[in-house]
PDB file of all heavy atoms in Angstrom:
ATOM      1  N   ILE A   1     205.609 154.704  77.901  1.00  0.00           N
ATOM      2  CA  ILE A   1     204.279 154.125  78.146  1.00  0.00           C
ATOM      3  C   ILE A   1     204.415 152.847  78.961  1.00  0.00           C
ATOM      4  O   ILE A   1     203.693 152.641  79.939  1.00  0.00           O
ATOM      5  CB  ILE A   1     203.539 153.858  76.808  1.00  0.00           C
ATOM      6  CG1 ILE A   1     203.164 155.174  76.136  1.00  0.00           C
ATOM      7  CG2 ILE A   1     202.293 152.996  77.040  1.00  0.00           C
ATOM      8  CD1 ILE A   1     202.665 155.012  74.696  1.00  0.00           C
ATOM      9  N   GLU A   2     205.354 151.985  78.573  1.00  0.00           N
ATOM     10  CA  GLU A   2     205.537 150.717  79.283  1.00  0.00           C
ATOM     11  C   GLU A   2     206.007 150.917  80.719  1.00  0.00           C
ATOM     12  O   GLU A   2     205.703 150.106  81.584  1.00  0.00           O
ATOM     13  CB  GLU A   2     206.502 149.806  78.517  1.00  0.00           C
ATOM     14  CG  GLU A   2     205.895 149.225  77.252  1.00  0.00           C
ATOM     15  CD  GLU A   2     206.781 148.176  76.594  1.00  0.00           C
ATOM     16  OE1 GLU A   2     207.934 147.965  77.029  1.00  0.00           O
ATOM     17  OE2 GLU A   2     206.303 147.551  75.625  1.00  0.00           O
ATOM     18  N   ARG A   3     206.720 151.986  80.984  1.00  0.00           N
ATOM     19  CA  ARG A   3     207.161 152.280  82.359  1.00  0.00           C
ATOM     20  C   ARG A   3     206.112 153.067  83.140  1.00  0.00           C
ATOM     21  O   ARG A   3     206.244 153.245  84.345  1.00  0.00           O
ATOM     22  CB  ARG A   3     208.485 153.054  82.336  1.00  0.00           C
ATOM     23  CG  ARG A   3     209.674 152.227  81.901  1.00  0.00           C
ATOM     24  CD  ARG A   3     210.988 152.976  82.064  1.00  0.00           C
ATOM     25  NE  ARG A   3     211.067 154.216  81.314  1.00  0.00           N
ATOM     26  CZ  ARG A   3     211.369 154.319  80.012  1.00  0.00           C
ATOM     27  NH1 ARG A   3     211.607 153.229  79.309  1.00  0.00           N
ATOM     28  NH2 ARG A   3     211.432 155.500  79.434  1.00  0.00           N
ATOM     29  N   GLY A   4     205.091 153.552  82.444  1.00  0.00           N
ATOM     30  CA  GLY A   4     204.038 154.317  83.104  1.00  0.00           C
ATOM     31  C   GLY A   4     204.427 155.745  83.411  1.00  0.00           C
ATOM     32  O   GLY A   4     203.810 156.397  84.249  1.00  0.00           O
ATOM     33  N   THR A   5     205.464 156.266  82.716  1.00  0.00           N
ATOM     34  CA  THR A   5     205.926 157.625  82.981  1.00  0.00           C
ATOM     35  C   THR A   5     205.330 158.655  82.031  1.00  0.00           C
ATOM     36  O   THR A   5     205.534 159.852  82.233  1.00  0.00           O
ATOM     37  CB  THR A   5     207.472 157.704  82.906  1.00  0.00           C
ATOM     38  OG1 THR A   5     207.897 157.240  81.621  1.00  0.00           O
ATOM     39  CG2 THR A   5     208.101 156.855  84.004  1.00  0.00           C
ATOM     40  N   ARG A   6     204.621 158.204  81.000  1.00  0.00           N
ATOM     41  CA  ARG A   6     203.935 159.111  80.077  1.00  0.00           C
ATOM     42  C   ARG A   6     202.530 158.586  79.845  1.00  0.00           C
ATOM     43  O   ARG A   6     202.287 157.379  79.848  1.00  0.00           O
ATOM     44  CB  ARG A   6     204.657 159.206  78.724  1.00  0.00           C
ATOM     45  CG  ARG A   6     206.060 159.745  78.770  1.00  0.00           C
ATOM     46  CD  ARG A   6     206.229 161.233  78.513  1.00  0.00           C
ATOM     47  NE  ARG A   6     205.616 161.781  77.350  1.00  0.00           N
ATOM     48  CZ  ARG A   6     206.174 161.880  76.141  1.00  0.00           C
ATOM     49  NH1 ARG A   6     207.398 161.414  75.937  1.00  0.00           N
ATOM     50  NH2 ARG A   6     205.528 162.444  75.153  1.00  0.00           N
ATOM     51  N   ILE A   7     201.609 159.492  79.622  1.00  0.00           N
ATOM     52  CA  ILE A   7     200.218 159.133  79.365  1.00  0.00           C
ATOM     53  C   ILE A   7     199.978 159.192  77.862  1.00  0.00           C
ATOM     54  O   ILE A   7     200.317 160.182  77.213  1.00  0.00           O
ATOM     55  CB  ILE A   7     199.262 160.093  80.108  1.00  0.00           C
ATOM     56  CG1 ILE A   7     199.486 159.984  81.613  1.00  0.00           C
ATOM     57  CG2 ILE A   7     197.813 159.789  79.741  1.00  0.00           C
ATOM     58  CD1 ILE A   7     198.730 161.022  82.420  1.00  0.00           C
ATOM     59  N   MET A   8     199.374 158.151  77.337  1.00  0.00           N
ATOM     60  CA  MET A   8     199.116 158.098  75.897  1.00  0.00           C
ATOM     61  C   MET A   8     197.717 158.627  75.585  1.00  0.00           C
ATOM     62  O   MET A   8     196.834 158.628  76.438  1.00  0.00           O
ATOM     63  CB  MET A   8     199.259 156.661  75.387  1.00  0.00           C
ATOM     64  CG  MET A   8     198.203 155.697  75.919  1.00  0.00           C
ATOM     65  SD  MET A   8     198.575 153.999  75.501  1.00  0.00           S
ATOM     66  CE  MET A   8     198.538 153.270  77.139  1.00  0.00           C
ATOM     67  N   SER A   9     197.534 159.041  74.343  1.00  0.00           N
ATOM     68  CA  SER A   9     196.224 159.494  73.885  1.00  0.00           C
ATOM     69  C   SER A   9     195.329 158.283  73.624  1.00  0.00           C
ATOM     70  O   SER A   9     195.804 157.137  73.542  1.00  0.00           O
ATOM     71  CB  SER A   9     196.366 160.303  72.595  1.00  0.00           C
ATOM     72  OG  SER A   9     196.786 159.452  71.529  1.00  0.00           O
ATOM     73  N   VAL A  10     194.054 158.547  73.454  1.00  0.00           N
ATOM     74  CA  VAL A  10     193.110 157.483  73.116  1.00  0.00           C
ATOM     75  C   VAL A  10     193.489 156.877  71.762  1.00  0.00           C
ATOM     76  O   VAL A  10     193.399 155.659  71.570  1.00  0.00           O
ATOM     77  CB  VAL A  10     191.656 158.023  73.092  1.00  0.00           C
ATOM     78  CG1 VAL A  10     190.690 156.981  72.571  1.00  0.00           C
ATOM     79  CG2 VAL A  10     191.240 158.489  74.468  1.00  0.00           C
ATOM     80  N   GLU A  11     193.934 157.708  70.840  1.00  0.00           N
ATOM     81  CA  GLU A  11     194.343 157.215  69.519  1.00  0.00           C
ATOM     82  C   GLU A  11     195.530 156.256  69.639  1.00  0.00           C
ATOM     83  O   GLU A  11     195.565 155.217  68.979  1.00  0.00           O
ATOM     84  CB  GLU A  11     194.695 158.378  68.583  1.00  0.00           C
ATOM     85  CG  GLU A  11     193.512 159.205  68.147  1.00  0.00           C
ATOM     86  CD  GLU A  11     193.085 160.257  69.186  1.00  0.00           C
ATOM     87  OE1 GLU A  11     193.824 160.489  70.181  1.00  0.00           O
ATOM     88  OE2 GLU A  11     191.998 160.830  69.001  1.00  0.00           O
ATOM     89  N   THR A  12     196.483 156.603  70.483  1.00  0.00           N
ATOM     90  CA  THR A  12     197.649 155.723  70.679  1.00  0.00           C
ATOM     91  C   THR A  12     197.224 154.424  71.347  1.00  0.00           C
ATOM     92  O   THR A  12     197.663 153.345  70.948  1.00  0.00           O
ATOM     93  CB  THR A  12     198.735 156.433  71.500  1.00  0.00           C
ATOM     94  OG1 THR A  12     199.152 157.604  70.793  1.00  0.00           O
ATOM     95  CG2 THR A  12     199.931 155.534  71.748  1.00  0.00           C
ATOM     96  N   LEU A  13     196.361 154.516  72.355  1.00  0.00           N
ATOM     97  CA  LEU A  13     195.845 153.304  73.011  1.00  0.00           C
ATOM     98  C   LEU A  13     195.158 152.410  71.983  1.00  0.00           C
ATOM     99  O   LEU A  13     195.388 151.201  71.959  1.00  0.00           O
ATOM    100  CB  LEU A  13     194.879 153.654  74.142  1.00  0.00           C
ATOM    101  CG  LEU A  13     194.148 152.467  74.781  1.00  0.00           C
ATOM    102  CD1 LEU A  13     195.136 151.523  75.467  1.00  0.00           C
ATOM    103  CD2 LEU A  13     193.093 152.956  75.769  1.00  0.00           C
ATOM    104  N   ASN A  14     194.343 153.001  71.135  1.00  0.00           N
ATOM    105  CA  ASN A  14     193.661 152.230  70.104  1.00  0.00           C
ATOM    106  C   ASN A  14     194.665 151.549  69.176  1.00  0.00           C
ATOM    107  O   ASN A  14     194.507 150.369  68.839  1.00  0.00           O
ATOM    108  CB  ASN A  14     192.719 153.136  69.304  1.00  0.00           C
ATOM    109  CG  ASN A  14     191.936 152.354  68.285  1.00  0.00           C
ATOM    110  OD1 ASN A  14     191.207 151.429  68.619  1.00  0.00           O
ATOM    111  ND2 ASN A  14     192.075 152.728  67.018  1.00  0.00           N
ATOM    112  N   GLY A  15     195.697 152.272  68.775  1.00  0.00           N
ATOM    113  CA  GLY A  15     196.724 151.690  67.903  1.00  0.00           C
ATOM    114  C   GLY A  15     197.442 150.531  68.567  1.00  0.00           C
ATOM    115  O   GLY A  15     197.722 149.507  67.928  1.00  0.00           O
ATOM    116  N   ILE A  16     197.742 150.665  69.846  1.00  0.00           N
ATOM    117  CA  ILE A  16     198.413 149.589  70.581  1.00  0.00           C
ATOM    118  C   ILE A  16     197.477 148.389  70.705  1.00  0.00           C
ATOM    119  O   ILE A  16     197.903 147.241  70.513  1.00  0.00           O
ATOM    120  CB  ILE A  16     198.903 150.082  71.953  1.00  0.00           C
ATOM    121  CG1 ILE A  16     200.042 151.096  71.766  1.00  0.00           C
ATOM    122  CG2 ILE A  16     199.361 148.914  72.830  1.00  0.00           C
ATOM    123  CD1 ILE A  16     200.482 151.795  73.041  1.00  0.00           C
ATOM    124  N   CYS A  17     196.205 148.643  71.008  1.00  0.00           N
ATOM    125  CA  CYS A  17     195.229 147.550  71.097  1.00  0.00           C
ATOM    126  C   CYS A  17     195.153 146.781  69.781  1.00  0.00           C
ATOM    127  O   CYS A  17     195.184 145.547  69.768  1.00  0.00           O
ATOM    128  CB  CYS A  17     193.834 148.087  71.445  1.00  0.00           C
ATOM    129  SG  CYS A  17     193.640 148.641  73.141  1.00  0.00           S
ATOM    130  N   GLU A  18     195.068 147.515  68.682  1.00  0.00           N
ATOM    131  CA  GLU A  18     194.982 146.866  67.375  1.00  0.00           C
ATOM    132  C   GLU A  18     196.255 146.083  67.060  1.00  0.00           C
ATOM    133  O   GLU A  18     196.197 144.952  66.590  1.00  0.00           O
ATOM    134  CB  GLU A  18     194.702 147.900  66.282  1.00  0.00           C
ATOM    135  CG  GLU A  18     193.281 148.412  66.308  1.00  0.00           C
ATOM    136  CD  GLU A  18     192.992 149.426  65.209  1.00  0.00           C
ATOM    137  OE1 GLU A  18     193.874 149.705  64.377  1.00  0.00           O
ATOM    138  OE2 GLU A  18     191.859 149.939  65.201  1.00  0.00           O
ATOM    139  N   ALA A  19     197.403 146.686  67.314  1.00  0.00           N
ATOM    140  CA  ALA A  19     198.676 146.022  67.016  1.00  0.00           C
ATOM    141  C   ALA A  19     198.852 144.750  67.834  1.00  0.00           C
ATOM    142  O   ALA A  19     199.310 143.726  67.315  1.00  0.00           O
ATOM    143  CB  ALA A  19     199.840 146.979  67.272  1.00  0.00           C
ATOM    144  N   LEU A  20     198.472 144.798  69.107  1.00  0.00           N
ATOM    145  CA  LEU A  20     198.643 143.642  69.993  1.00  0.00           C
ATOM    146  C   LEU A  20     197.468 142.666  69.929  1.00  0.00           C
ATOM    147  O   LEU A  20     197.518 141.610  70.548  1.00  0.00           O
ATOM    148  CB  LEU A  20     198.832 144.105  71.441  1.00  0.00           C
ATOM    149  CG  LEU A  20     200.102 144.884  71.748  1.00  0.00           C
ATOM    150  CD1 LEU A  20     200.082 145.380  73.187  1.00  0.00           C
ATOM    151  CD2 LEU A  20     201.335 144.032  71.488  1.00  0.00           C
ATOM    152  N   ASP A  21     196.402 143.055  69.223  1.00  0.00           N
ATOM    153  CA  ASP A  21     195.168 142.264  69.178  1.00  0.00           C
ATOM    154  C   ASP A  21     194.655 142.030  70.598  1.00  0.00           C
ATOM    155  O   ASP A  21     194.352 140.921  71.012  1.00  0.00           O
ATOM    156  CB  ASP A  21     195.393 140.935  68.452  1.00  0.00           C
ATOM    157  CG  ASP A  21     194.079 140.242  68.111  1.00  0.00           C
ATOM    158  OD1 ASP A  21     193.056 140.931  67.950  1.00  0.00           O
ATOM    159  OD2 ASP A  21     194.068 138.987  68.037  1.00  0.00           O
ATOM    160  N   ALA A  22     194.600 143.136  71.344  1.00  0.00           N
ATOM    161  CA  ALA A  22     194.144 143.108  72.738  1.00  0.00           C
ATOM    162  C   ALA A  22     193.014 144.120  72.900  1.00  0.00           C
ATOM    163  O   ALA A  22     192.965 145.120  72.188  1.00  0.00           O
ATOM    164  CB  ALA A  22     195.294 143.450  73.679  1.00  0.00           C
ATOM    165  N   SER A  23     192.143 143.864  73.846  1.00  0.00           N
ATOM    166  CA  SER A  23     191.056 144.813  74.101  1.00  0.00           C
ATOM    167  C   SER A  23     191.541 145.928  75.021  1.00  0.00           C
ATOM    168  O   SER A  23     192.521 145.765  75.758  1.00  0.00           O
ATOM    169  CB  SER A  23     189.866 144.097  74.745  1.00  0.00           C
ATOM    170  OG  SER A  23     190.173 143.720  76.075  1.00  0.00           O
ATOM    171  N   ALA A  24     190.833 147.047  74.980  1.00  0.00           N
ATOM    172  CA  ALA A  24     191.151 148.148  75.893  1.00  0.00           C
ATOM    173  C   ALA A  24     190.963 147.702  77.339  1.00  0.00           C
ATOM    174  O   ALA A  24     191.751 148.068  78.213  1.00  0.00           O
ATOM    175  CB  ALA A  24     190.278 149.365  75.580  1.00  0.00           C
ATOM    176  N   ASP A  25     189.919 146.893  77.604  1.00  0.00           N
ATOM    177  CA  ASP A  25     189.705 146.373  78.964  1.00  0.00           C
ATOM    178  C   ASP A  25     190.914 145.576  79.435  1.00  0.00           C
ATOM    179  O   ASP A  25     191.316 145.667  80.589  1.00  0.00           O
ATOM    180  CB  ASP A  25     188.469 145.475  79.027  1.00  0.00           C
ATOM    181  CG  ASP A  25     187.182 146.254  79.143  1.00  0.00           C
ATOM    182  OD1 ASP A  25     187.214 147.410  79.584  1.00  0.00           O
ATOM    183  OD2 ASP A  25     186.126 145.691  78.803  1.00  0.00           O
ATOM    184  N   GLU A  26     191.482 144.807  78.528  1.00  0.00           N
ATOM    185  CA  GLU A  26     192.642 143.994  78.900  1.00  0.00           C
ATOM    186  C   GLU A  26     193.831 144.871  79.269  1.00  0.00           C
ATOM    187  O   GLU A  26     194.504 144.632  80.279  1.00  0.00           O
ATOM    188  CB  GLU A  26     193.003 143.061  77.744  1.00  0.00           C
ATOM    189  CG  GLU A  26     194.108 142.092  78.060  1.00  0.00           C
ATOM    190  CD  GLU A  26     194.334 141.082  76.954  1.00  0.00           C
ATOM    191  OE1 GLU A  26     193.646 141.110  75.933  1.00  0.00           O
ATOM    192  OE2 GLU A  26     195.232 140.243  77.139  1.00  0.00           O
ATOM    193  N   LEU A  27     194.090 145.913  78.466  1.00  0.00           N
ATOM    194  CA  LEU A  27     195.246 146.766  78.737  1.00  0.00           C
ATOM    195  C   LEU A  27     194.996 147.718  79.907  1.00  0.00           C
ATOM    196  O   LEU A  27     195.870 147.898  80.748  1.00  0.00           O
ATOM    197  CB  LEU A  27     195.616 147.567  77.487  1.00  0.00           C
ATOM    198  CG  LEU A  27     196.076 146.748  76.286  1.00  0.00           C
ATOM    199  CD1 LEU A  27     196.466 147.660  75.143  1.00  0.00           C
ATOM    200  CD2 LEU A  27     197.205 145.801  76.637  1.00  0.00           C
ATOM    201  N   LEU A  28     193.815 148.301  79.970  1.00  0.00           N
ATOM    202  CA  LEU A  28     193.542 149.285  81.015  1.00  0.00           C
ATOM    203  C   LEU A  28     193.308 148.653  82.383  1.00  0.00           C
ATOM    204  O   LEU A  28     193.778 149.151  83.396  1.00  0.00           O
ATOM    205  CB  LEU A  28     192.327 150.136  80.652  1.00  0.00           C
ATOM    206  CG  LEU A  28     192.474 151.040  79.433  1.00  0.00           C
ATOM    207  CD1 LEU A  28     191.146 151.722  79.127  1.00  0.00           C
ATOM    208  CD2 LEU A  28     193.571 152.069  79.645  1.00  0.00           C
ATOM    209  N   TRP A  29     192.556 147.561  82.418  1.00  0.00           N
ATOM    210  CA  TRP A  29     192.121 146.996  83.699  1.00  0.00           C
ATOM    211  C   TRP A  29     192.609 145.573  83.947  1.00  0.00           C
ATOM    212  O   TRP A  29     192.376 145.012  85.007  1.00  0.00           O
ATOM    213  CB  TRP A  29     190.594 147.015  83.801  1.00  0.00           C
ATOM    214  CG  TRP A  29     190.025 148.353  83.468  1.00  0.00           C
ATOM    215  CD1 TRP A  29     189.282 148.670  82.376  1.00  0.00           C
ATOM    216  CD2 TRP A  29     190.168 149.564  84.208  1.00  0.00           C
ATOM    217  NE1 TRP A  29     188.960 150.005  82.401  1.00  0.00           N
ATOM    218  CE2 TRP A  29     189.478 150.580  83.511  1.00  0.00           C
ATOM    219  CE3 TRP A  29     190.804 149.890  85.399  1.00  0.00           C
ATOM    220  CZ2 TRP A  29     189.417 151.885  83.963  1.00  0.00           C
ATOM    221  CZ3 TRP A  29     190.737 151.205  85.849  1.00  0.00           C
ATOM    222  CH2 TRP A  29     190.051 152.180  85.136  1.00  0.00           C
ATOM    223  N   GLY A  30     193.240 144.952  82.945  1.00  0.00           N
ATOM    224  CA  GLY A  30     193.693 143.572  83.116  1.00  0.00           C
ATOM    225  C   GLY A  30     192.569 142.564  83.010  1.00  0.00           C
ATOM    226  O   GLY A  30     192.660 141.475  83.563  1.00  0.00           O
ATOM    227  N   ILE A  31     191.495 142.924  82.298  1.00  0.00           N
ATOM    228  CA  ILE A  31     190.327 142.051  82.170  1.00  0.00           C
ATOM    229  C   ILE A  31     190.234 141.538  80.742  1.00  0.00           C
ATOM    230  O   ILE A  31     189.708 142.229  79.861  1.00  0.00           O
ATOM    231  CB  ILE A  31     189.024 142.805  82.519  1.00  0.00           C
ATOM    232  CG1 ILE A  31     189.101 143.412  83.907  1.00  0.00           C
ATOM    233  CG2 ILE A  31     187.820 141.878  82.382  1.00  0.00           C
ATOM    234  CD1 ILE A  31     187.970 144.369  84.220  1.00  0.00           C
ATOM    235  N   PRO A  32     190.768 140.360  80.497  1.00  0.00           N
ATOM    236  CA  PRO A  32     190.622 139.825  79.135  1.00  0.00           C
ATOM    237  C   PRO A  32     189.167 139.445  78.886  1.00  0.00           C
ATOM    238  O   PRO A  32     188.519 138.845  79.729  1.00  0.00           O
ATOM    239  CB  PRO A  32     191.531 138.601  79.116  1.00  0.00           C
ATOM    240  CG  PRO A  32     191.722 138.231  80.532  1.00  0.00           C
ATOM    241  CD  PRO A  32     191.506 139.473  81.362  1.00  0.00           C
TER     242      PRO A  32
END
């Protein structure tokens, strides 16, 4: 995922957002 060689599910994205305390906008688009 960090290298961009695999696509994660929405559930995985949500888990990463929660773990990092980051918004989906921040991770997907770089918009905090």
